[in-house]
Protein backbone atom coordinates (compact mmCIF):
# COMPACT_ATOMS: atom_id res chain seq x y z
CA MET A 1 61.31 10.09 -139.55
CA GLY A 2 58.42 8.72 -141.35
CA GLU A 3 54.76 9.08 -141.44
CA ARG A 4 52.30 6.46 -140.41
CA ARG A 5 48.59 5.59 -140.26
CA GLY A 6 47.56 3.57 -137.32
CA SER A 7 44.63 1.33 -137.16
CA SER A 8 42.87 3.76 -135.16
CA GLY A 9 42.78 6.38 -138.29
CA PHE A 10 44.82 8.63 -136.17
CA ILE A 11 48.11 10.16 -138.08
CA GLY A 12 51.04 10.23 -135.94
CA ILE A 13 54.76 10.86 -136.05
CA ASP A 14 57.02 7.66 -135.59
CA SER A 15 59.16 8.79 -132.87
CA PRO A 16 58.70 8.65 -128.96
CA LEU A 17 57.43 12.29 -128.88
CA GLY A 18 55.24 11.68 -131.77
CA ARG A 19 53.84 8.62 -130.30
CA ILE A 20 53.03 10.68 -127.02
CA ALA A 21 51.51 13.33 -128.92
CA SER A 22 49.15 10.77 -130.86
CA VAL A 23 48.12 9.39 -127.55
CA ALA A 24 47.41 12.56 -125.82
CA LEU A 25 45.55 14.16 -128.98
CA ALA A 26 43.01 10.81 -129.55
CA PRO A 27 40.87 11.55 -126.25
CA ALA A 28 40.86 15.36 -127.09
CA LEU A 29 39.40 14.55 -130.82
CA LEU A 30 36.99 12.04 -129.24
CA ILE A 31 35.83 14.83 -127.00
CA LEU A 32 35.20 17.01 -129.58
CA LEU A 33 33.55 14.23 -131.93
CA VAL A 34 30.80 13.36 -129.25
CA ALA A 35 30.41 16.94 -127.62
CA PRO A 36 26.89 18.56 -128.02
CA ILE A 37 26.25 20.60 -131.24
CA CYS A 38 25.03 24.10 -130.12
CA ALA A 39 21.39 24.65 -131.22
CA PRO A 40 18.68 27.33 -130.37
CA PRO A 41 16.75 26.32 -127.13
CA ALA A 42 13.55 24.32 -127.42
CA PRO A 43 10.39 26.20 -127.55
CA PRO A 44 8.42 26.46 -124.41
CA PRO A 45 5.63 23.68 -124.10
CA ALA A 46 2.15 24.74 -125.47
CA PRO A 47 -0.37 26.13 -122.73
CA THR A 48 -2.92 23.52 -121.64
CA PRO A 49 -6.36 24.62 -122.34
CA ASP A 50 -6.61 25.41 -118.36
CA ASN A 51 -3.69 27.89 -118.76
CA VAL A 52 -5.24 29.39 -121.79
CA ARG A 53 -5.63 33.37 -120.81
CA THR A 54 -4.64 35.25 -123.91
CA ILE A 55 -5.06 35.40 -127.91
CA GLU A 56 -1.29 34.04 -127.94
CA ASP A 57 -2.04 31.33 -125.50
CA LEU A 58 -5.23 30.12 -127.75
CA VAL A 59 -3.17 30.16 -130.62
CA ALA A 60 0.10 28.29 -129.38
CA CYS A 61 -2.35 25.68 -127.82
CA VAL A 62 -3.94 25.35 -131.18
CA ASN A 63 -0.43 24.88 -132.75
CA GLY A 64 0.54 22.35 -130.08
CA ARG A 65 -2.56 20.17 -130.24
CA LEU A 66 -2.72 20.19 -134.09
CA ALA A 67 0.82 20.03 -135.19
CA GLY A 68 1.13 17.31 -137.85
CA SER A 69 -2.86 16.75 -138.16
CA GLN A 70 -3.41 15.73 -142.10
CA ASN A 71 -7.27 16.35 -141.57
CA ALA A 72 -7.65 19.16 -139.15
CA THR A 73 -10.95 21.17 -139.01
CA ILE A 74 -12.22 24.14 -136.92
CA ALA A 75 -13.80 21.71 -134.61
CA ASP A 76 -10.60 20.61 -133.46
CA THR A 77 -9.80 23.88 -131.74
CA VAL A 78 -12.48 23.87 -129.34
CA GLN A 79 -10.56 21.47 -127.37
CA CYS A 80 -8.17 24.67 -126.40
CA LEU A 81 -10.90 26.64 -124.78
CA PRO A 82 -10.35 27.82 -121.18
CA PRO A 83 -12.77 26.15 -118.68
CA LYS A 84 -15.73 28.15 -117.08
CA CYS A 85 -16.58 30.27 -120.29
CA SER A 86 -20.21 30.93 -120.85
CA ILE A 87 -21.83 30.18 -124.35
CA THR A 88 -24.49 32.40 -125.98
CA LEU A 89 -26.01 31.63 -129.42
CA THR A 90 -27.24 34.62 -131.48
CA MET A 91 -29.22 34.33 -134.79
CA SER A 92 -27.81 37.92 -135.86
CA ASN A 93 -26.44 38.52 -139.14
CA GLN A 94 -25.21 41.90 -138.32
CA SER A 95 -21.69 40.64 -138.13
CA ALA A 96 -18.63 39.29 -139.99
CA GLN A 97 -19.68 35.89 -138.50
CA ALA A 98 -23.49 36.13 -139.69
CA ALA A 99 -25.63 33.66 -138.46
CA CYS A 100 -28.16 31.77 -141.10
CA ILE A 101 -31.13 29.61 -141.18
CA LEU A 102 -30.81 26.79 -143.88
CA GLU A 103 -34.00 24.86 -144.83
CA GLY A 104 -34.85 22.10 -147.08
CA ASP A 105 -37.06 19.06 -147.19
CA GLY A 106 -39.07 20.01 -144.25
CA ILE A 107 -36.15 20.52 -141.88
CA ARG A 108 -35.52 24.06 -140.88
CA CYS A 109 -32.11 24.57 -138.90
CA GLN A 110 -31.17 27.72 -137.36
CA MET A 111 -27.31 28.02 -137.80
CA PRO A 112 -26.04 30.76 -135.01
CA ARG A 113 -22.96 32.45 -133.92
CA VAL A 114 -21.51 31.21 -130.88
CA LEU A 115 -20.18 33.78 -128.59
CA ILE A 116 -18.06 32.24 -125.79
CA GLU A 117 -17.26 34.38 -122.82
CA CYS A 118 -14.37 33.57 -120.29
CA PRO A 119 -14.06 35.36 -117.09
CA GLY A 120 -10.30 35.58 -117.01
CA PRO A 121 -8.26 37.70 -116.21
CA PRO A 122 -8.03 38.82 -118.99
CA LYS A 123 -11.49 38.19 -120.31
CA LEU A 124 -11.03 36.28 -123.36
CA ILE A 125 -13.81 36.20 -126.10
CA PRO A 126 -13.79 33.77 -128.53
CA SER A 127 -16.52 33.07 -131.11
CA TYR A 128 -17.45 30.63 -133.99
CA LEU A 129 -20.09 30.17 -136.56
CA LEU A 130 -22.19 27.24 -137.02
CA CYS A 131 -23.50 28.85 -140.68
CA PRO A 132 -21.21 27.17 -143.23
CA GLN A 133 -22.03 29.55 -145.95
CA ASP A 134 -20.53 33.10 -146.54
CA SER A 135 -18.90 35.55 -143.83
CA GLU A 136 -15.47 35.28 -145.78
CA SER A 137 -12.54 36.93 -145.02
CA GLU A 138 -9.23 36.80 -146.40
CA GLY A 139 -10.52 33.85 -148.66
CA VAL A 140 -11.76 31.80 -145.52
CA ILE A 141 -15.37 31.31 -144.91
CA GLY A 142 -16.89 32.27 -141.51
CA ARG A 143 -17.39 28.92 -140.20
CA ASN A 144 -13.69 27.92 -140.67
CA ARG A 145 -12.57 31.28 -138.40
CA ILE A 146 -12.33 31.98 -134.92
CA GLU A 147 -13.08 35.52 -134.04
CA ILE A 148 -11.50 36.56 -130.79
CA GLY A 149 -11.44 39.39 -128.45
CA GLN A 150 -9.04 39.80 -125.42
CA GLY A 151 -9.73 42.80 -122.61
CA VAL A 152 -7.06 45.10 -121.93
CA ASP A 153 -8.34 47.70 -119.67
CA ALA A 154 -11.11 48.76 -117.47
CA ALA A 155 -12.93 50.53 -120.02
CA GLY A 156 -13.61 47.35 -121.65
CA ASN A 157 -11.14 48.03 -124.93
CA MET A 158 -9.97 44.71 -126.34
CA ARG A 159 -7.20 43.44 -128.77
CA MET A 160 -8.93 41.44 -131.89
CA ALA A 161 -7.78 38.54 -133.94
CA ASP A 162 -8.97 36.58 -136.56
CA VAL A 163 -7.69 32.91 -136.79
CA PRO A 164 -8.41 30.85 -139.91
CA ILE A 165 -8.49 26.99 -139.85
CA PRO A 166 -9.29 25.68 -142.98
CA PRO A 167 -10.01 22.13 -143.35
CA GLY A 168 -7.10 19.60 -144.37
CA PRO A 169 -3.43 19.51 -143.45
CA PHE A 170 -2.70 21.82 -140.69
CA THR A 171 -0.37 24.78 -141.15
CA PRO A 172 0.98 26.30 -138.05
CA ILE A 173 -0.58 29.67 -137.21
CA GLU A 174 1.70 32.85 -137.15
CA GLU A 175 0.59 34.76 -134.27
CA GLY A 176 1.54 38.18 -135.70
CA ASP A 177 -0.64 37.23 -138.66
CA THR A 178 -3.70 37.32 -136.72
CA ILE A 179 -3.80 40.44 -134.82
CA SER A 180 -5.80 43.20 -135.94
CA GLU A 181 -3.40 46.25 -136.80
CA THR A 182 -4.25 49.84 -137.58
CA THR A 183 -2.71 51.27 -140.87
CA GLY A 184 -2.19 54.61 -139.14
CA GLN A 185 -5.29 56.17 -141.15
CA GLY A 186 -7.89 55.71 -138.34
CA ASP A 187 -9.45 52.80 -140.45
CA SER A 188 -11.03 49.67 -139.80
CA GLY A 189 -7.61 47.72 -139.25
CA THR A 190 -6.04 45.02 -141.00
CA LYS A 191 -8.92 42.63 -140.05
CA GLY A 192 -11.81 45.05 -140.67
CA CYS A 193 -12.99 44.74 -137.10
CA ASN A 194 -13.81 48.42 -136.63
CA GLY A 195 -15.31 48.74 -139.98
CA GLY A 196 -18.85 49.31 -141.00
CA GLY A 197 -20.23 50.30 -137.80
CA CYS A 198 -19.32 47.16 -135.87
CA HIS A 199 -16.40 47.75 -133.26
CA ASP A 200 -16.00 51.14 -132.57
CA ALA A 201 -12.35 52.34 -133.77
CA GLN A 202 -10.09 53.40 -130.42
CA ALA A 203 -6.35 54.47 -130.08
CA PRO A 204 -3.74 51.91 -130.82
CA LEU A 205 -2.21 50.27 -127.78
CA GLY A 206 0.67 52.23 -126.12
CA SER A 207 2.78 49.19 -125.80
CA ALA A 208 2.30 47.98 -129.34
CA PRO A 209 1.59 50.94 -131.67
CA SER A 210 0.82 48.63 -134.51
CA GLU A 211 -2.04 46.88 -132.54
CA GLN A 212 -5.51 48.24 -132.81
CA LEU A 213 -8.21 48.61 -129.85
CA SER A 214 -11.93 47.70 -130.53
CA GLN A 215 -14.87 48.23 -128.09
CA PRO A 216 -16.91 44.87 -127.89
CA ILE A 217 -20.33 44.52 -128.79
CA ASP A 218 -23.17 43.51 -126.29
CA PRO A 219 -25.23 41.05 -128.30
CA PHE A 220 -27.98 41.94 -125.74
CA GLY A 221 -27.82 45.62 -126.38
CA GLU A 222 -29.38 47.78 -129.17
CA SER A 223 -27.71 47.71 -132.67
CA PRO A 224 -25.58 45.93 -134.02
CA GLY A 225 -26.66 43.60 -130.86
CA ASN A 226 -30.31 42.66 -130.71
CA PRO A 227 -31.67 40.59 -127.60
CA ASP A 228 -34.51 39.39 -129.80
CA CYS A 229 -31.75 37.39 -131.72
CA ILE A 230 -30.37 35.46 -128.74
CA ILE A 231 -31.80 31.85 -128.87
CA SER A 232 -30.05 30.35 -126.01
CA THR A 233 -27.48 31.57 -123.17
CA ASP A 234 -26.15 30.32 -120.08
CA ARG A 235 -24.87 33.72 -118.97
CA CYS A 236 -26.41 34.05 -115.51
CA ASP A 237 -26.97 37.76 -115.78
CA LYS A 238 -29.18 37.57 -119.43
CA SER A 239 -31.73 35.65 -120.62
CA ALA A 240 -32.71 34.35 -124.11
CA ILE A 241 -36.02 34.65 -125.79
CA ASP A 242 -38.69 32.51 -124.57
CA GLU A 243 -40.81 32.48 -127.64
CA PRO A 244 -40.42 33.11 -131.44
CA LYS A 245 -39.33 36.67 -132.14
CA GLN A 246 -38.60 38.61 -135.21
CA CYS A 247 -34.58 39.21 -135.15
CA PHE A 248 -33.71 42.46 -136.94
CA PRO A 249 -37.34 42.86 -138.28
CA SER A 250 -36.54 46.31 -139.98
CA THR A 251 -33.64 44.73 -142.44
CA GLU A 252 -33.98 42.76 -145.54
CA ASP A 253 -32.82 39.90 -143.97
CA SER A 254 -35.33 39.69 -141.15
CA ARG A 255 -36.26 36.46 -139.84
CA VAL A 256 -38.32 34.67 -137.20
CA VAL A 257 -36.28 32.90 -134.76
CA LYS A 258 -37.09 30.42 -131.75
CA PRO A 259 -35.58 29.64 -128.72
CA GLN A 260 -33.12 26.55 -128.94
CA SER A 261 -30.26 25.15 -126.82
CA LEU A 262 -27.26 24.31 -128.32
CA SER A 263 -27.94 20.38 -128.21
CA GLU A 264 -31.00 21.12 -130.20
CA VAL A 265 -29.22 23.07 -132.74
CA CYS A 266 -26.96 20.12 -133.08
CA ASP A 267 -29.53 17.71 -133.50
CA CYS A 268 -30.99 19.68 -136.25
CA ILE A 269 -27.93 19.66 -138.11
CA GLU A 270 -27.59 16.00 -137.45
CA ALA A 271 -31.11 15.23 -139.16
CA ALA A 272 -30.04 17.48 -141.94
CA LYS A 273 -26.63 16.38 -142.50
CA ASN A 274 -28.27 12.48 -142.98
CA ASP A 275 -30.83 14.14 -145.58
CA ASP A 276 -29.76 14.28 -149.19
CA LEU A 277 -32.16 17.01 -150.03
CA HIS A 278 -30.97 19.40 -147.38
CA PRO A 279 -28.34 22.17 -147.80
CA LEU A 280 -26.47 20.61 -144.83
CA ALA A 281 -26.49 16.86 -146.67
CA GLY A 282 -23.35 15.48 -145.94
CA ASP A 283 -21.74 18.45 -143.72
CA GLU A 284 -19.37 16.47 -141.02
CA ILE A 285 -17.44 19.74 -140.47
CA THR A 286 -20.52 21.75 -139.22
CA LEU A 287 -21.54 18.90 -136.89
CA ALA A 288 -18.44 18.06 -135.75
CA LEU A 289 -17.99 21.87 -134.46
CA CYS A 290 -21.63 21.91 -133.12
CA ARG A 291 -21.07 18.56 -131.03
CA ALA A 292 -17.45 19.82 -129.85
CA LEU A 293 -19.01 23.16 -128.36
CA GLU A 294 -21.96 21.05 -126.98
CA ASP A 295 -19.47 18.84 -125.39
CA TYR A 296 -17.21 21.82 -123.94
CA GLN A 297 -20.52 23.14 -122.51
CA ASP A 298 -21.61 20.18 -120.87
CA THR A 299 -17.94 19.13 -119.42
CA ARG A 300 -16.02 22.33 -118.96
CA GLY A 301 -18.31 25.27 -119.55
CA ALA A 302 -19.73 27.94 -117.16
CA CYS A 303 -21.57 25.51 -114.68
CA VAL A 304 -20.35 22.02 -114.71
CA SER A 305 -20.18 19.75 -111.82
CA GLY A 306 -17.08 20.05 -110.04
CA GLY A 307 -15.98 23.19 -111.87
CA CYS A 308 -18.47 25.67 -110.71
CA PRO A 309 -17.36 28.97 -109.35
CA PRO A 310 -17.75 28.77 -105.73
CA ALA A 311 -19.71 31.01 -103.60
CA THR A 312 -16.86 32.10 -101.62
CA GLY A 313 -13.17 33.19 -102.51
CA PRO A 314 -9.94 34.59 -101.51
CA GLU A 315 -9.88 37.75 -99.34
CA CYS A 316 -9.80 41.01 -101.16
CA SER A 317 -9.34 44.66 -100.06
CA GLU A 318 -10.98 47.11 -102.77
CA ALA A 319 -14.61 46.62 -102.13
CA PHE A 320 -16.85 45.87 -105.17
CA ALA A 321 -13.81 46.00 -107.69
CA PRO A 322 -13.28 43.35 -110.03
CA CYS A 323 -10.79 40.89 -108.81
CA ASP A 324 -8.60 37.70 -109.41
CA PRO A 325 -10.59 34.66 -108.22
CA ALA A 326 -7.02 32.82 -107.41
CA THR A 327 -5.50 35.55 -105.44
CA GLY A 328 -8.04 38.34 -104.81
CA VAL A 329 -6.14 41.13 -106.28
CA THR A 330 -7.84 43.95 -108.21
CA VAL A 331 -7.77 43.65 -111.92
CA ALA A 332 -9.32 45.47 -114.88
CA SER A 333 -12.19 42.94 -115.78
CA SER A 334 -13.27 39.74 -114.69
CA GLY A 335 -16.47 37.80 -113.92
CA TYR A 336 -15.60 38.20 -110.06
CA HIS A 337 -15.92 41.16 -107.52
CA CYS A 338 -14.74 42.06 -104.20
CA GLN A 339 -18.06 41.54 -102.13
CA PRO A 340 -18.94 41.57 -98.52
CA ALA A 341 -18.49 38.56 -96.58
CA GLU A 342 -18.92 37.73 -92.59
CA GLY A 343 -18.19 40.48 -90.39
CA GLU A 344 -16.03 43.02 -91.91
CA ALA A 345 -14.20 40.88 -94.39
CA PHE A 346 -14.49 40.74 -98.06
CA GLU A 347 -14.14 37.65 -100.37
CA CYS A 348 -13.55 37.63 -104.18
CA VAL A 349 -16.52 35.90 -105.50
CA ALA A 350 -18.15 35.01 -108.84
CA ASP A 351 -21.01 37.26 -109.88
CA CYS A 352 -22.73 34.33 -110.57
CA PRO A 353 -21.92 31.40 -108.75
CA CYS A 354 -23.29 27.85 -109.40
CA ARG A 355 -26.30 26.55 -107.36
CA ASP A 356 -27.72 23.34 -107.40
CA TYR A 357 -31.51 22.97 -107.43
CA SER A 358 -34.23 20.37 -107.38
CA MET A 359 -37.95 20.32 -107.90
CA THR A 360 -39.94 17.22 -106.55
CA GLY A 361 -43.72 16.39 -105.99
CA GLY A 362 -46.89 16.01 -107.89
CA GLY A 363 -50.21 14.10 -106.93
CA LYS A 364 -53.91 14.48 -107.70
CA PHE A 365 -54.89 17.37 -109.94
CA LEU A 366 -58.68 18.41 -111.29
CA VAL A 367 -59.94 20.27 -114.08
CA ASP A 368 -63.70 19.83 -113.68
CA SER A 369 -64.23 16.16 -113.40
CA ALA A 370 -61.21 15.23 -115.21
CA VAL A 371 -58.40 13.65 -112.88
CA SER A 372 -54.95 13.73 -113.58
CA MET A 373 -52.00 12.19 -111.66
CA VAL A 374 -48.57 13.70 -111.55
CA ARG A 375 -45.12 12.71 -110.60
CA LEU A 376 -42.01 15.18 -111.06
CA GLN A 377 -38.60 14.81 -110.13
CA LEU A 378 -35.96 17.00 -111.70
CA SER A 379 -32.44 18.60 -110.65
CA GLY A 380 -29.59 20.26 -111.98
CA HIS A 381 -27.38 23.24 -111.46
CA ALA A 382 -27.06 26.78 -112.79
CA ALA A 383 -25.04 29.79 -112.56
CA THR A 384 -26.85 32.76 -111.33
CA ALA A 385 -26.63 35.66 -108.93
CA ASN A 386 -29.91 35.45 -107.33
CA PRO A 387 -30.98 32.06 -105.82
CA ASP A 388 -34.58 33.17 -106.43
CA SER A 389 -34.43 33.20 -110.07
CA LEU A 390 -32.79 30.59 -112.31
CA ARG A 391 -32.28 29.27 -115.56
CA ASP A 392 -30.80 25.94 -116.95
CA SER A 393 -30.82 24.98 -120.61
CA VAL A 394 -27.87 22.51 -120.33
CA HIS A 395 -27.84 20.40 -116.98
CA VAL A 396 -31.42 19.72 -115.99
CA THR A 397 -32.27 16.01 -115.73
CA GLY A 398 -35.26 14.01 -114.08
CA GLU A 399 -38.44 12.41 -114.75
CA LEU A 400 -41.82 13.49 -115.49
CA SER A 401 -44.86 11.04 -115.67
CA GLY A 402 -48.69 11.29 -115.66
CA PHE A 403 -52.00 9.79 -116.44
CA GLU A 404 -55.13 11.66 -117.47
CA TYR A 405 -58.03 9.43 -116.82
CA ALA A 406 -60.75 10.83 -118.93
CA SER A 407 -58.71 10.64 -122.05
CA ARG A 408 -56.71 7.98 -121.36
CA THR A 409 -53.46 9.84 -121.89
CA LEU A 410 -50.31 8.51 -120.49
CA LEU A 411 -47.12 10.33 -120.60
CA ASP A 412 -43.74 9.03 -119.40
CA SER A 413 -39.80 8.93 -120.37
CA ILE A 414 -39.12 12.74 -120.70
CA ALA A 415 -35.93 14.08 -121.72
CA PHE A 416 -35.66 17.94 -120.38
CA SER A 417 -34.16 20.54 -122.38
CA SER A 418 -34.74 23.62 -119.97
CA PHE A 419 -36.07 24.70 -116.83
CA GLN A 420 -36.58 27.72 -115.14
CA ALA A 421 -37.83 28.90 -111.77
CA THR A 422 -38.95 31.77 -109.74
CA ARG A 423 -39.39 32.03 -106.14
CA THR A 424 -41.85 35.01 -104.44
CA GLY A 425 -42.48 34.90 -100.92
CA GLY A 426 -43.66 31.31 -99.97
CA GLY A 427 -44.48 30.32 -103.41
CA PHE A 428 -42.86 29.93 -106.88
CA THR A 429 -43.41 29.51 -110.65
CA ALA A 430 -41.70 27.18 -112.56
CA SER A 431 -41.61 26.01 -116.22
CA GLY A 432 -40.04 23.20 -118.54
CA LYS A 433 -39.93 22.04 -121.80
CA GLY A 434 -38.43 18.66 -123.41
CA THR A 435 -39.56 15.59 -125.33
CA ALA A 436 -41.89 12.98 -123.73
CA ASN A 437 -43.65 9.95 -124.66
CA VAL A 438 -47.38 10.45 -124.97
CA ASN A 439 -49.45 7.15 -125.42
CA GLY A 440 -46.24 5.56 -126.82
CA ALA A 441 -45.50 8.49 -129.22
CA PRO A 442 -42.57 10.99 -128.94
CA ARG A 443 -44.23 14.50 -128.36
CA ASN A 444 -42.30 18.08 -127.50
CA ILE A 445 -44.11 19.15 -124.22
CA GLU A 446 -43.90 22.04 -121.69
CA PHE A 447 -44.95 22.21 -118.45
CA THR A 448 -45.70 25.03 -115.79
CA ALA A 449 -46.28 24.48 -112.26
CA THR A 450 -47.33 27.38 -109.48
CA THR A 451 -47.57 27.11 -105.82
CA THR A 452 -48.92 30.41 -104.27
CA GLY A 453 -51.04 30.74 -100.96
CA GLY A 454 -51.05 26.99 -100.59
CA VAL A 455 -52.74 26.50 -103.96
CA THR A 456 -50.82 24.25 -106.28
CA THR A 457 -51.50 24.16 -109.92
CA PHE A 458 -49.85 22.17 -112.98
CA GLU A 459 -50.23 21.85 -116.55
CA VAL A 460 -48.40 19.66 -119.44
CA SER A 461 -49.21 20.73 -123.06
CA ASP A 462 -47.96 19.76 -126.42
CA ALA A 463 -45.31 22.55 -127.35
CA ASP A 464 -46.35 22.41 -130.97
CA THR A 465 -50.08 22.54 -130.74
CA SER A 466 -50.80 23.82 -127.14
CA GLU A 467 -52.98 21.09 -126.58
CA VAL A 468 -53.64 20.19 -122.98
CA LEU A 469 -52.66 16.80 -122.23
CA LEU A 470 -53.03 16.79 -118.34
CA GLY A 471 -52.90 18.90 -115.27
CA GLY A 472 -55.33 21.24 -113.16
CA THR A 473 -55.59 22.49 -109.78
CA GLY A 474 -53.89 20.40 -107.01
CA GLU A 475 -56.61 18.52 -104.75
CA ASP A 476 -56.26 19.84 -101.07
CA GLN A 477 -53.63 17.80 -99.24
CA ARG A 478 -53.06 15.51 -102.17
CA ALA A 479 -50.88 17.58 -104.47
CA ALA A 480 -47.93 19.65 -103.53
CA PHE A 481 -44.27 20.51 -105.01
CA ASP A 482 -41.07 21.53 -103.32
CA LEU A 483 -38.40 23.83 -104.75
CA SER A 484 -34.83 23.64 -103.18
CA VAL A 485 -31.83 25.70 -104.32
CA THR A 486 -28.56 25.37 -102.78
CA PRO A 487 -26.65 27.70 -101.53
CA PRO A 488 -30.08 29.50 -100.76
C-alpha cells in the first residue's frame, strides 16, 4: 500500500478502506476548522446616562462614551450625568476642589465649584471645578477631576471616589483605582477625602472592608460649608445669596462674591478666553466644561420641560419615609417622600415638584408728575416645595418693555437671568434681573413688582448704578399684575 496526497490536501490510504476513511474524516476536520473559537463573554454594554445610579455606573458610562477618543477632556464626561440633578455653585475655597476668582484686563470671573445632587436612589453627588488652577491630586488639577459621593445608608454616609480625566488620548478608568479606601489606621483614606477637617471619618463598609465611608458636607451649613459663598442654586429647598457677600471673611483668602447664574459664569469665561491679557486667555477646556454643564442644566437638569418631577407618584405605605419614585418602595435616601394623597392613600412624590408660573400685566405708573407705561409678560418653571415661594435662574423667559415720558427713557428687548416671587394672602412680591436695551444701549437691569391691598407698584433700575429708569405706583384701574402658579 502506498501513501498519496489528493488535490484536497487530505492525506489518505490507497485502499478501499483508506478511501472511505478519507471521505469520512474530511467533514469532521472541516467542522473543526469552522467551529467558533472559545473566548471570554463580551462585557455588558455601558450604562446609558438615564441608567447611571452609582459611581461604577458613571465610570462605566464615561469609559464607554470616551473609548478611543484622542482628544478627550473633562467636558466630555458631563454627558454621563443622570437626569434631574440639581446644580449649586459655591465660591468656597475650603475644599479639595477650591473655587477661585481670576481677574485681568478689567474682567473679573468667578470660577466656582459645581455641586451636583442626583435624587437616586441611591443619592449620587458628583462635583466639578471651573477653576483651572491648583487643587491638584495625584498629579491632576481640580478642574480635570470629578469628585463623586454615593449615599449608602439613612445616616447619609457615602462612598467616595476621585476620577481623573486629563486632556488628551483617553485612558480607560479602572473602577477600583477611583474609590477612597482606608489603610486601617483611621486616616483620611487613599483619596484624602476625610482629612483636614473635610469629610468626617466613618467606619469602613461592612460588605467591602477596604472602602472608607465619609460624611457629606452641607455647602449651605457652617464651616467647611458657608451659605454666603453660594452664588447660584436650583435646589428647591435652598437659596443662593441675592447680593454681594464676604465668602469666609476670617480667612486669608477672603473674597467678595456676587450672585451669578451658571450661564453668566460661562459668559464671563468666554469673554475672558478671547482676551489675550486675561489668565483665562485661550482656555477652551474650562469654557467647554462650563457650557456642557449649562446645557445639562437647561435640558436634563432638576426642572426641565418634560422632565420635571410630577406632583403625583406611585402608592407607598410608610408615611413620610424616603421612597423610590418608580415603585414607592421605602429606601434609605432620595429626593422623594411618602406623602398623604386623597382619602387615606399615600403617594411617593418629589420633595420639590416642578411648577409652571407666569406673570403678566402692566399699565400706567406715576411718580409725582412723571408717567411710565410698562408691559411685562414672563413665564418659566421651577422646582419648589411651596407654590407660594419660587425662584428660577434657569428657565425664565419673556418680555419687558416700558417708556418714561419725562426722561424719554425707552426700555425693551430684555433677556431675563432670574426671577423670584412670594405670594402672601391676596398679594405678592416679585423681582427679576436681566439685560435690556435702554435707549438702544445694553444695560443690566432689575425690577420689582408688588401687589398689596389693591395697590400695585413697579420699578425698573440699573443693576450696576441703582439709577431708577421707570416705574412708580400704578394708577387706579389702569395698572395690575397677575401671578399664576401651576399646580397651585
